[in-house]
Amino acid sequence: MIKKIKGKYVVLSETTGRRFGAYDTKKEAKERLRQIEFFKHRGEAKGGSAKT
């Protein structure tokens, strides 16, 4: 989730409220959120080909 706090765009965890950085532009914050989501879901299996 992205919130504007004190003039900065802050990337926050929706569940814990942990901060993942403050950025000057919304574009930068969206890019960081995209990176976080990528790594969060990177290990999930797709199409039944689970790694063990």
C-alpha atoms as a PDB file:
ATOM      1  CA  MET A   1       0.000   0.000   0.000  1.00  0.00           C
ATOM      2  CA  ILE A   2       1.189   3.535  -0.716  1.00  0.00           C
ATOM      3  CA  LYS A   3       0.351   6.473   1.558  1.00  0.00           C
ATOM      4  CA  LYS A   4       1.410  10.091   1.360  1.00  0.00           C
ATOM      5  CA  ILE A   5       3.046  11.068   4.671  1.00  0.00           C
ATOM      6  CA  LYS A   6       4.728  14.433   5.242  1.00  0.00           C
ATOM      7  CA  GLY A   7       5.046  15.127   1.511  1.00  0.00           C
ATOM      8  CA  LYS A   8       6.602  11.727   0.682  1.00  0.00           C
ATOM      9  CA  TYR A   9       5.053   8.594  -0.789  1.00  0.00           C
ATOM     10  CA  VAL A  10       5.608   5.771   1.704  1.00  0.00           C
ATOM     11  CA  VAL A  11       5.363   2.068   0.851  1.00  0.00           C
ATOM     12  CA  LEU A  12       3.746   0.200   3.762  1.00  0.00           C
ATOM     13  CA  SER A  13       2.871  -3.412   4.515  1.00  0.00           C
ATOM     14  CA  GLU A  14      -0.919  -3.834   4.586  1.00  0.00           C
ATOM     15  CA  THR A  15      -0.742  -6.411   7.389  1.00  0.00           C
ATOM     16  CA  THR A  16       2.044  -5.230   9.695  1.00  0.00           C
ATOM     17  CA  GLY A  17       2.377  -1.539   8.855  1.00  0.00           C
ATOM     18  CA  ARG A  18       6.110  -1.991   8.240  1.00  0.00           C
ATOM     19  CA  ARG A  19       7.672   0.748   6.105  1.00  0.00           C
ATOM     20  CA  PHE A  20       9.557  -0.191   2.951  1.00  0.00           C
ATOM     21  CA  GLY A  21      10.830   3.238   2.028  1.00  0.00           C
ATOM     22  CA  ALA A  22       9.799   6.829   1.368  1.00  0.00           C
ATOM     23  CA  TYR A  23       9.951   8.286  -2.127  1.00  0.00           C
ATOM     24  CA  ASP A  24       9.569  11.733  -3.667  1.00  0.00           C
ATOM     25  CA  THR A  25       7.292  10.579  -6.491  1.00  0.00           C
ATOM     26  CA  LYS A  26       4.378   8.187  -6.678  1.00  0.00           C
ATOM     27  CA  LYS A  27       6.045   6.533  -9.679  1.00  0.00           C
ATOM     28  CA  GLU A  28       9.077   5.572  -7.559  1.00  0.00           C
ATOM     29  CA  ALA A  29       6.824   4.228  -4.794  1.00  0.00           C
ATOM     30  CA  LYS A  30       4.830   2.129  -7.271  1.00  0.00           C
ATOM     31  CA  GLU A  31       8.044   0.671  -8.698  1.00  0.00           C
ATOM     32  CA  ARG A  32       9.216  -0.344  -5.208  1.00  0.00           C
ATOM     33  CA  LEU A  33       5.821  -1.888  -4.411  1.00  0.00           C
ATOM     34  CA  ARG A  34       6.067  -3.862  -7.669  1.00  0.00           C
ATOM     35  CA  GLN A  35       9.501  -5.165  -6.624  1.00  0.00           C
ATOM     36  CA  ILE A  36       8.195  -6.233  -3.213  1.00  0.00           C
ATOM     37  CA  GLU A  37       5.241  -8.095  -4.755  1.00  0.00           C
ATOM     38  CA  PHE A  38       7.568  -9.832  -7.228  1.00  0.00           C
ATOM     39  CA  PHE A  39       9.843 -11.200  -4.506  1.00  0.00           C
ATOM     40  CA  LYS A  40       6.917 -12.030  -2.233  1.00  0.00           C
ATOM     41  CA  HIS A  41       5.373 -14.315  -4.868  1.00  0.00           C
ATOM     42  CA  ARG A  42       8.580 -15.526  -6.533  1.00  0.00           C
ATOM     43  CA  GLY A  43       8.676 -18.925  -4.799  1.00  0.00           C
ATOM     44  CA  GLU A  44       5.040 -19.854  -5.432  1.00  0.00           C
ATOM     45  CA  ALA A  45       4.375 -22.759  -7.771  1.00  0.00           C
ATOM     46  CA  LYS A  46       2.608 -22.165 -11.090  1.00  0.00           C
ATOM     47  CA  GLY A  47       0.569 -24.753 -12.957  1.00  0.00           C
ATOM     48  CA  GLY A  48       1.285 -27.650 -10.609  1.00  0.00           C
ATOM     49  CA  SER A  49       5.045 -27.753 -11.154  1.00  0.00           C
ATOM     50  CA  ALA A  50       5.989 -27.230  -7.521  1.00  0.00           C
ATOM     51  CA  LYS A  51       9.660 -27.300  -6.559  1.00  0.00           C
ATOM     52  CA  THR A  52      10.641 -29.377  -3.550  1.00  0.00           C
END
